[in-house]
Protein backbone atom coordinates (compact mmCIF):
# COMPACT_ATOMS: atom_id res chain seq x y z
CA MET A 1 59.80 86.81 127.13
CA THR A 2 57.66 89.76 126.06
CA ALA A 3 56.66 90.22 122.44
CA ARG A 4 58.93 93.28 122.20
CA ARG A 5 61.94 91.39 123.59
CA LEU A 6 61.24 88.47 121.25
CA PHE A 7 61.10 90.86 118.29
CA LEU A 8 64.42 92.47 119.27
CA THR A 9 66.06 89.08 119.78
CA LEU A 10 64.92 87.87 116.37
CA ALA A 11 66.00 91.14 114.75
CA LEU A 12 69.46 90.91 116.28
CA ALA A 13 69.77 87.27 115.24
CA SER A 14 68.75 88.20 111.71
CA THR A 15 71.34 91.00 111.62
CA ALA A 16 74.07 88.66 112.90
CA SER A 17 73.13 86.12 110.25
CA LEU A 18 73.34 88.78 107.53
CA GLN A 19 76.73 89.98 108.75
CA ALA A 20 78.08 86.43 108.77
CA GLY A 21 77.22 86.08 105.09
CA ASN A 22 79.30 89.05 103.89
CA TRP A 23 82.93 89.56 102.91
CA PRO A 24 83.15 93.36 103.14
CA ASN A 25 86.89 93.95 102.69
CA TRP A 26 89.95 92.11 101.47
CA ARG A 27 90.46 90.09 104.71
CA GLY A 28 86.79 89.41 105.34
CA PRO A 29 84.27 90.08 108.12
CA ASN A 30 86.73 89.29 110.93
CA GLN A 31 89.64 91.03 109.18
CA ASP A 32 91.69 87.88 109.69
CA GLY A 33 91.01 85.83 106.55
CA SER A 34 88.21 83.76 108.08
CA ALA A 35 84.42 83.69 107.94
CA ASP A 36 81.61 81.71 109.53
CA GLU A 37 80.53 79.81 106.44
CA LYS A 38 79.39 76.18 106.26
CA GLY A 39 79.02 73.58 103.56
CA ILE A 40 81.92 74.87 101.45
CA PRO A 41 83.28 72.13 99.14
CA ALA A 42 86.90 70.99 99.30
CA LYS A 43 86.90 69.60 95.76
CA PHE A 44 85.81 71.54 92.67
CA SER A 45 86.96 72.49 89.18
CA LYS A 46 86.05 74.85 86.36
CA THR A 47 83.13 72.54 85.57
CA GLU A 48 82.41 70.86 88.92
CA GLY A 49 80.75 72.74 91.79
CA VAL A 50 80.67 76.04 89.87
CA LYS A 51 77.46 78.04 90.32
CA TRP A 52 78.58 80.59 87.76
CA ALA A 53 81.67 81.93 86.01
CA SER A 54 81.80 85.47 84.65
CA PRO A 55 84.47 86.99 82.42
CA LEU A 56 86.48 89.84 83.93
CA PRO A 57 87.71 92.73 81.76
CA GLY A 58 91.21 92.52 83.24
CA LEU A 59 93.44 90.82 85.80
CA SER A 60 94.50 92.34 89.11
CA ALA A 61 95.37 91.27 92.64
CA SER A 62 92.24 92.82 94.15
CA VAL A 63 89.90 90.52 96.04
CA PRO A 64 86.16 90.30 95.35
CA VAL A 65 84.14 91.80 98.20
CA VAL A 66 80.59 90.63 98.81
CA TRP A 67 77.55 92.15 100.49
CA GLY A 68 74.23 90.37 100.27
CA ASP A 69 73.44 89.70 96.62
CA LYS A 70 76.23 91.85 95.18
CA VAL A 71 79.94 91.28 94.43
CA PHE A 72 82.28 94.24 93.91
CA ILE A 73 85.69 94.13 92.27
CA THR A 74 88.23 96.38 90.55
CA ALA A 75 89.82 95.75 87.17
CA PRO A 76 91.94 97.39 84.48
CA ILE A 77 90.72 97.46 80.88
CA GLU A 78 93.87 97.43 78.81
CA ALA A 79 92.32 98.19 75.42
CA ASP A 80 90.60 101.34 76.68
CA LYS A 81 93.25 102.31 79.28
CA GLN A 82 90.56 102.44 81.96
CA LEU A 83 90.36 101.56 85.66
CA VAL A 84 86.88 100.40 86.57
CA GLY A 85 84.79 99.38 89.53
CA LEU A 86 82.40 96.52 88.80
CA CYS A 87 79.33 95.00 90.45
CA TYR A 88 78.07 91.47 89.79
CA ASP A 89 74.97 89.63 90.92
CA ALA A 90 76.21 87.21 93.62
CA LYS A 91 73.57 84.62 92.68
CA THR A 92 73.92 84.59 88.89
CA GLY A 93 77.22 86.29 88.04
CA LYS A 94 75.48 88.82 85.80
CA GLU A 95 77.29 92.15 85.58
CA LEU A 96 74.93 94.70 87.15
CA TRP A 97 76.97 97.85 86.64
CA ARG A 98 80.41 99.23 86.03
CA SER A 99 81.93 102.67 86.37
CA VAL A 100 85.06 104.08 84.77
CA ILE A 101 86.88 105.75 87.66
CA ALA A 102 90.18 106.70 86.01
CA GLU A 103 91.74 106.70 82.55
CA GLY A 104 95.31 106.70 81.30
CA GLY A 105 98.22 104.50 82.35
CA LEU A 106 97.41 101.13 83.90
CA GLN A 107 100.81 99.72 84.81
CA TRP A 108 103.95 101.11 86.47
CA ASP A 109 105.95 97.88 86.72
CA ASN A 110 105.96 94.37 85.27
CA LYS A 111 104.46 92.64 88.32
CA SER A 112 101.12 94.38 88.95
CA ASN A 113 98.79 97.15 87.84
CA LEU A 114 96.96 100.14 89.28
CA ALA A 115 93.84 98.10 90.13
CA SER A 116 95.59 96.14 92.91
CA PRO A 117 93.73 97.60 95.95
CA SER A 118 90.51 95.77 96.85
CA ALA A 119 87.17 97.53 97.25
CA THR A 120 85.46 97.92 100.62
CA THR A 121 81.77 98.10 101.51
CA ASP A 122 79.62 98.64 104.61
CA GLY A 123 76.34 97.54 103.03
CA GLU A 124 75.33 101.13 102.33
CA ARG A 125 78.12 102.15 99.98
CA VAL A 126 81.16 100.72 98.20
CA VAL A 127 84.53 102.47 97.79
CA PHE A 128 87.08 101.76 95.06
CA LEU A 129 90.68 103.01 95.36
CA PHE A 130 93.40 102.80 92.72
CA ALA A 131 97.17 103.15 92.88
CA ASN A 132 97.05 106.45 91.00
CA ALA A 133 95.50 107.91 94.19
CA VAL A 134 91.99 108.20 92.73
CA ALA A 135 89.05 106.92 94.80
CA ALA A 136 85.31 106.90 94.20
CA CYS A 137 82.28 105.95 96.31
CA PHE A 138 78.97 104.56 95.04
CA ASP A 139 75.73 103.38 96.52
CA LEU A 140 75.14 99.67 95.95
CA ASN A 141 73.09 100.40 92.83
CA GLY A 142 75.98 102.18 91.15
CA LYS A 143 75.12 105.85 91.74
CA GLN A 144 78.31 107.82 92.41
CA GLN A 145 78.36 109.57 95.78
CA TRP A 146 81.76 111.26 95.53
CA LYS A 147 85.14 111.04 93.83
CA ARG A 148 88.59 112.21 94.96
CA ASP A 149 92.06 112.56 93.52
CA PHE A 150 94.41 112.45 96.53
CA THR A 151 97.27 113.86 94.48
CA GLU A 152 95.54 117.23 94.71
CA THR A 153 95.44 117.29 98.52
CA HIS A 154 98.06 114.83 99.79
CA GLY A 155 100.24 114.08 96.79
CA ALA A 156 100.77 110.99 94.64
CA PHE A 157 101.55 107.75 96.45
CA GLY A 158 105.34 107.42 96.61
CA THR A 159 106.03 103.68 96.46
CA GLN A 160 108.62 102.07 94.22
CA TRP A 161 106.42 99.12 93.24
CA THR A 162 102.78 99.81 92.50
CA TYR A 163 100.78 100.91 95.56
CA GLY A 164 98.52 98.06 96.69
CA SER A 165 97.07 98.92 100.11
CA SER A 166 93.30 98.43 100.31
CA PRO A 167 90.92 100.93 101.90
CA LEU A 168 88.86 99.94 104.92
CA LEU A 169 85.33 100.91 105.96
CA ASP A 170 85.00 100.30 109.69
CA GLY A 171 83.02 101.91 112.50
CA GLY A 172 81.61 104.67 110.34
CA LYS A 173 84.99 105.77 108.97
CA LEU A 174 86.90 105.15 105.76
CA TYR A 175 90.61 104.51 106.34
CA ILE A 176 93.56 104.42 103.96
CA GLN A 177 97.22 104.07 104.84
CA VAL A 178 100.03 105.52 102.77
CA LEU A 179 103.46 104.32 103.93
CA GLN A 180 105.82 105.72 101.35
CA ARG A 181 109.21 107.21 100.52
CA ASP A 182 109.92 110.60 102.09
CA ALA A 183 111.01 112.31 98.86
CA PRO A 184 110.03 112.16 95.17
CA PHE A 185 111.99 109.70 93.01
CA GLU A 186 111.90 107.92 89.66
CA PHE A 187 111.57 104.17 89.06
CA GLN A 188 111.45 102.36 85.72
CA GLY A 189 110.75 105.65 83.95
CA PHE A 190 107.86 106.68 86.23
CA LYS A 191 108.04 109.63 88.60
CA LYS A 192 106.76 108.79 92.09
CA GLY A 193 105.52 111.21 94.71
CA THR A 194 104.71 114.89 94.20
CA PRO A 195 107.40 117.58 94.43
CA GLY A 196 106.42 120.29 96.88
CA LYS A 197 104.05 118.04 98.85
CA ASP A 198 104.79 116.66 102.30
CA MET A 199 105.70 113.03 101.64
CA SER A 200 105.56 111.83 105.23
CA SER A 201 103.85 108.47 105.65
CA TYR A 202 100.33 108.83 107.04
CA ILE A 203 97.01 107.30 108.00
CA LEU A 204 93.92 109.07 106.72
CA ALA A 205 90.35 108.81 108.04
CA MET A 206 87.47 110.12 105.95
CA ASP A 207 83.74 110.55 106.23
CA PRO A 208 82.49 107.75 103.96
CA ALA A 209 79.31 109.69 103.14
CA THR A 210 81.16 112.73 101.76
CA GLY A 211 84.75 111.63 101.15
CA LYS A 212 86.02 114.56 103.21
CA ASP A 213 89.00 114.17 105.55
CA LEU A 214 88.24 113.69 109.25
CA TRP A 215 91.87 113.48 110.31
CA LYS A 216 95.33 112.76 109.00
CA VAL A 217 97.99 111.32 111.29
CA ILE A 218 101.64 111.28 110.32
CA ARG A 219 103.21 107.88 110.92
CA PRO A 220 106.98 108.43 111.38
CA SER A 221 109.72 105.85 110.90
CA ASP A 222 113.52 105.72 111.00
CA ALA A 223 113.58 103.45 107.94
CA GLN A 224 115.13 104.56 104.66
CA MET A 225 114.26 104.44 100.97
CA GLU A 226 112.29 101.31 99.92
CA THR A 227 112.09 100.11 103.52
CA LEU A 228 109.75 103.03 104.25
CA GLU A 229 107.21 101.48 101.89
CA SER A 230 104.38 99.20 102.90
CA PHE A 231 101.84 97.46 100.70
CA ALA A 232 99.93 96.17 103.72
CA SER A 233 96.42 97.37 104.52
CA PRO A 234 95.04 98.79 107.78
CA VAL A 235 93.43 96.19 110.05
CA ALA A 236 90.85 97.14 112.70
CA VAL A 237 90.54 95.04 115.87
CA THR A 238 88.77 95.39 119.18
CA PHE A 239 90.96 95.03 122.25
CA GLU A 240 89.73 95.63 125.80
CA GLY A 241 86.57 97.22 124.45
CA LYS A 242 88.29 99.75 122.18
CA ARG A 243 88.82 99.71 118.44
CA GLN A 244 92.43 99.87 117.26
CA LEU A 245 94.08 100.10 113.86
CA LEU A 246 97.12 97.90 113.29
CA ILE A 247 99.63 99.35 110.83
CA VAL A 248 102.83 97.62 109.65
CA GLY A 249 105.72 98.98 107.63
CA GLY A 250 108.81 101.09 108.00
CA ASP A 251 110.43 98.39 110.16
CA CYS A 252 107.73 98.52 112.85
CA ILE A 253 104.17 97.72 113.85
CA THR A 254 101.99 100.36 115.48
CA GLY A 255 98.61 100.38 117.19
CA HIS A 256 96.37 103.44 116.80
CA ASP A 257 93.13 104.66 118.35
CA ALA A 258 90.65 104.06 115.54
CA ALA A 259 88.61 107.10 116.58
CA THR A 260 91.44 109.64 116.47
CA GLY A 261 94.43 107.97 114.81
CA GLN A 262 96.55 108.61 117.91
CA GLU A 263 99.46 106.20 118.13
CA LEU A 264 99.05 104.06 121.25
CA TRP A 265 102.09 101.81 120.93
CA ARG A 266 104.80 100.68 118.56
CA TRP A 267 107.31 97.90 118.37
CA GLY A 268 110.30 97.58 116.02
CA ASN A 269 112.82 97.21 114.66
CA TRP A 270 113.21 93.98 112.71
CA ASN A 271 115.88 95.58 110.56
CA PRO A 272 118.91 96.14 112.83
CA ASP A 273 121.26 96.09 109.83
CA GLN A 274 119.34 99.07 108.32
CA ASN A 275 118.68 97.36 105.01
CA LYS A 276 117.19 99.98 102.67
CA ASN A 277 115.30 97.49 100.50
CA LEU A 278 112.85 95.80 102.89
CA ARG A 279 109.45 96.79 101.51
CA LEU A 280 106.67 95.16 103.50
CA VAL A 281 103.64 93.39 102.00
CA ALA A 282 101.83 91.22 104.57
CA SER A 283 99.25 92.98 106.74
CA ALA A 284 99.00 92.52 110.49
CA VAL A 285 96.53 90.19 112.16
CA ALA A 286 95.38 89.92 115.79
CA VAL A 287 94.46 86.87 117.86
CA ASP A 288 94.15 86.30 121.63
CA GLY A 289 95.62 89.68 122.53
CA ILE A 290 98.61 89.17 120.24
CA ALA A 291 99.31 91.40 117.24
CA VAL A 292 101.20 89.46 114.58
CA ALA A 293 103.61 91.12 112.14
CA CYS A 294 105.57 89.38 109.38
CA SER A 295 108.91 90.97 108.61
CA PRO A 296 109.84 90.51 104.93
CA LYS A 297 112.31 88.51 102.90
CA LYS A 298 112.73 85.35 105.01
CA ARG A 299 112.94 87.22 108.33
CA PRO A 300 110.97 86.34 111.49
CA VAL A 301 107.30 86.64 112.34
CA PHE A 302 106.67 88.50 115.60
CA GLY A 303 103.92 88.20 118.20
CA VAL A 304 103.50 91.51 120.07
CA LYS A 305 101.53 91.74 123.31
CA MET A 306 98.66 94.18 122.96
CA GLY A 307 97.51 96.38 125.83
CA LEU A 308 100.89 98.04 126.37
CA HIS A 309 101.66 101.69 125.68
CA GLY A 310 104.40 103.78 124.15
CA LYS A 311 107.56 102.47 122.55
CA LEU A 312 107.87 98.77 123.32
CA SER A 313 111.03 96.76 123.83
CA ASP A 314 111.84 93.21 122.78
CA SER A 315 110.76 92.07 126.24
CA ASP A 316 107.21 93.03 125.25
CA LEU A 317 107.17 90.41 122.53
CA ALA A 318 105.18 87.25 123.18
CA TRP A 319 107.42 85.37 120.75
CA THR A 320 109.69 85.58 117.72
CA SER A 321 109.68 82.87 115.08
CA ASP A 322 112.70 81.05 113.77
CA PRO A 323 112.44 81.82 110.03
CA LYS A 324 113.60 78.29 109.32
CA GLU A 325 110.38 77.12 111.00
CA PHE A 326 107.93 79.69 109.63
CA THR A 327 108.02 83.05 107.88
CA SER A 328 106.03 84.97 105.26
CA ASP A 329 107.24 87.55 102.79
CA VAL A 330 103.98 88.34 101.00
CA SER A 331 100.97 86.36 102.27
CA THR A 332 99.07 87.75 105.27
CA PRO A 333 98.45 85.11 107.98
CA ALA A 334 94.93 83.94 108.80
CA VAL A 335 93.21 83.05 112.07
CA TYR A 336 90.72 80.23 112.61
CA GLU A 337 89.35 78.74 115.82
CA GLY A 338 92.17 80.15 117.92
CA LYS A 339 95.02 79.06 115.66
CA LEU A 340 97.30 81.16 113.45
CA TYR A 341 98.06 79.98 109.90
CA VAL A 342 101.17 81.29 108.14
CA LEU A 343 101.79 80.66 104.43
CA ASP A 344 105.42 80.82 103.33
CA SER A 345 105.04 82.33 99.87
CA ASP A 346 108.41 81.13 98.61
CA LYS A 347 108.66 77.62 100.07
CA LYS A 348 104.94 76.94 99.39
CA VAL A 349 104.61 75.70 102.97
CA LEU A 350 101.71 76.23 105.38
CA SER A 351 102.18 76.23 109.17
CA CYS A 352 99.65 76.06 112.00
CA ILE A 353 100.79 78.06 115.04
CA GLU A 354 99.77 78.48 118.68
CA PRO A 355 99.28 82.27 118.79
CA LYS A 356 100.10 82.72 122.49
CA THR A 357 103.47 81.04 122.26
CA GLY A 358 104.46 80.91 118.60
CA LYS A 359 104.81 77.13 118.89
CA VAL A 360 104.45 75.24 115.62
CA VAL A 361 101.59 72.71 115.74
CA TRP A 362 102.34 71.41 112.26
CA THR A 363 103.96 72.39 108.99
CA GLY A 364 103.25 70.92 105.58
CA GLU A 365 104.51 71.27 102.02
CA THR A 366 101.78 71.95 99.48
CA GLY A 367 103.87 70.57 96.64
CA SER A 368 102.92 73.51 94.42
CA LYS A 369 105.27 74.18 91.51
CA ALA A 370 104.21 77.82 91.42
CA LYS A 371 104.64 80.46 94.10
CA PHE A 372 101.82 81.73 96.34
CA GLU A 373 101.34 85.47 96.80
CA SER A 374 97.67 85.35 97.71
CA SER A 375 96.74 85.08 101.38
CA PRO A 376 94.99 82.06 102.90
CA THR A 377 91.23 82.08 103.41
CA ILE A 378 89.80 79.75 106.07
CA VAL A 379 86.16 78.65 106.25
CA ASP A 380 84.31 75.49 107.21
CA GLY A 381 87.41 73.81 108.62
CA LYS A 382 89.45 74.26 105.43
CA VAL A 383 92.28 76.54 104.29
CA TYR A 384 92.05 77.80 100.68
CA MET A 385 95.13 79.20 98.88
CA THR A 386 95.62 80.23 95.23
CA ASN A 387 99.02 80.04 93.52
CA PHE A 388 100.32 82.07 90.55
CA TRP A 389 98.76 79.63 88.07
CA GLY A 390 95.27 79.83 89.57
CA ASP A 391 95.43 76.43 91.27
CA VAL A 392 93.50 76.42 94.55
CA TYR A 393 95.10 74.27 97.25
CA VAL A 394 92.84 73.10 100.09
CA VAL A 395 94.26 72.01 103.45
CA LYS A 396 92.41 70.78 106.52
CA ALA A 397 92.37 73.40 109.28
CA GLY A 398 93.13 72.32 112.83
CA GLY A 399 94.16 68.87 113.90
CA ASP A 400 97.64 67.79 114.89
CA LYS A 401 99.08 67.22 111.41
CA PHE A 402 99.10 68.73 107.92
CA GLU A 403 96.51 67.21 105.56
CA LEU A 404 96.22 68.30 101.93
CA LEU A 405 92.62 67.73 100.86
CA SER A 406 92.67 68.73 97.19
CA ILE A 407 94.26 70.71 94.37
CA ASN A 408 91.75 72.45 92.12
CA GLU A 409 92.89 73.84 88.76
CA MET A 410 90.92 77.06 88.23
CA GLY A 411 93.36 79.09 86.10
CA ASP A 412 93.30 79.69 82.35
CA GLY A 413 95.94 77.05 81.65
CA SER A 414 98.86 79.46 81.42
CA LYS A 415 101.75 79.13 83.84
CA PRO A 416 102.91 82.66 84.72
CA ASN A 417 105.87 83.02 87.02
CA GLY A 418 105.53 86.25 88.98
CA ASP A 419 104.72 88.71 86.21
CA ALA A 420 101.57 90.82 85.88
CA LYS A 421 99.64 87.78 84.53
CA SER A 422 100.04 85.83 87.78
CA CYS A 423 97.09 85.14 90.08
CA ARG A 424 97.59 87.03 93.34
CA SER A 425 93.99 87.55 94.44
CA SER A 426 92.87 85.90 97.67
CA ILE A 427 89.54 84.07 97.86
CA ALA A 428 86.41 85.60 99.36
CA ALA A 429 83.83 83.44 101.16
CA ALA A 430 80.21 84.55 101.57
CA ASN A 431 76.66 83.24 101.25
CA GLY A 432 77.92 79.65 101.51
CA CYS A 433 80.17 80.11 98.47
CA LEU A 434 83.75 80.84 97.44
CA PHE A 435 84.45 83.73 95.07
CA ILE A 436 87.65 82.98 93.15
CA ARG A 437 89.40 85.42 90.83
CA THR A 438 91.66 83.90 88.18
CA GLN A 439 93.46 85.35 85.14
CA ASP A 440 90.27 85.91 83.17
CA LYS A 441 87.23 84.96 85.23
CA LEU A 442 85.40 85.36 88.50
CA TYR A 443 84.07 81.99 89.75
CA CYS A 444 81.39 81.34 92.32
CA VAL A 445 81.88 77.87 93.81
CA GLY A 446 79.46 76.18 96.21
CA LYS A 447 77.29 73.17 96.80
C-alpha cells in the first residue's frame, strides 16, 4: 500500500469512528434508534455510573443530540416565558451556551409544551425548531447563522395537540414535515393554523447554511380532521443506492426522493372506517428493504415492501401485525442487528420481530407501573426505555427470549401520569455514554 493510500485509509477510518460516536438527530446516526456504541452499562442510578448530571431549565420531550464534545437540547423556561436552545460540554456537563429563540406562550395543552421537537446537527451547525413555527440555526460555538418564523411564509402549524415533529439534517438539506389540518380551527382556547394561508400538509427542504427554502412538496391525504395530523418526524434511508424520505400520517406512509421531494410510492389506508381522530405519533423505520409504519390506537403495524412505485395495494405489504401480538401507539420502533423492536406504549410490553415476515421472536412484559411514550434506544446488545416517571428499563437485545436486565430509577421521585411533567424523552447514546433527560436533569451515564 502506498503512503497516499495508507493516509486515505486511515483518514476514512478516523471519519467513520467519529461518525459512530455521534447522535445527530432524535433517532440517532442510523435513524433507527440504534448506534454502534460499546461498554454501555446495564445497571446505573442517580449516584452510580453517572459521569455528570446537569440541571435543565425546563422539561420537554425533546431528545439530547450529541456531536463530538457537545450536547444540544431544547427547553422551555417557564418563569421567563422563553424557548431556548442549549449546549452542554459532553465530557463535563457544563453549560457552554444558550440562546433565547422565542418568547411568549410555552404550552398549548396539558400534555406537552412548545419545546417538544428535538434539535438536529451535522457537525457544522445545529438547528432548533419549536412548535410555534420558529426555527434558528447556530454554529457549534453558539453564533446564530439564521432565524425563521414559518408563520410568515407557510402559516402556523395546524395540529390539535402541540406540534412535535423534529427537523432533520441529512445529505446537505434541512427537512421538516408539517402534516396538519386543512383549515384553521380552535382547540382549548388556542387558535391553530393561519387564516388565508394554504394549510395543505407539506414537506419542506431548506438550505441549512441560509435557511432559505429549496423546495416545498404538498403531501395530500384523504383523511379528515385530527387524522390528518402527524407528530412523526421525517426519516431518511438509503434504498438501492438512492436516498428516500419516509413520511407517515394522514392514514398512509409515503416514500419520497430526498433530492426533490417527489413522491415515489404510498401505501394506505389503515383507517377503512374513516375515523376522524387517529392522529399519528410514531415515526417510520426501515430495515431489510421493509418500511415499517405503526398505525395508532391499538391498530396494526405494517411492513411495506420498498422498491415499488405509485399507489400500492395490500398485496404489496410484506406483513400486517395482529395488534393482540404487537402494536405501538406512540413509541417509534427500533432496529438492531437485523431485528425490529416494537414497544407497546400502553401495555408496557416489548416485542422482538423478524422484519421480513413480521413473525414475533419474543414478547415480554416490563412490569412498569407507568406508561412509556419514549422510544427504545438500542446499543451494546441492550434496549433502553424510559417511562413517565423517569425509570429506565433495560432489556437484553437479541436471543430467543425476553430478558429484563435492570430497572434504573433516574427520575425526580414524582410519579406523573401523562401530564406535561411526564418523561417522554428518548435516550441518546454517543461517545460510549447514555444521555438521559428526566424531569429536571440531563444525565451522562457510562463506565
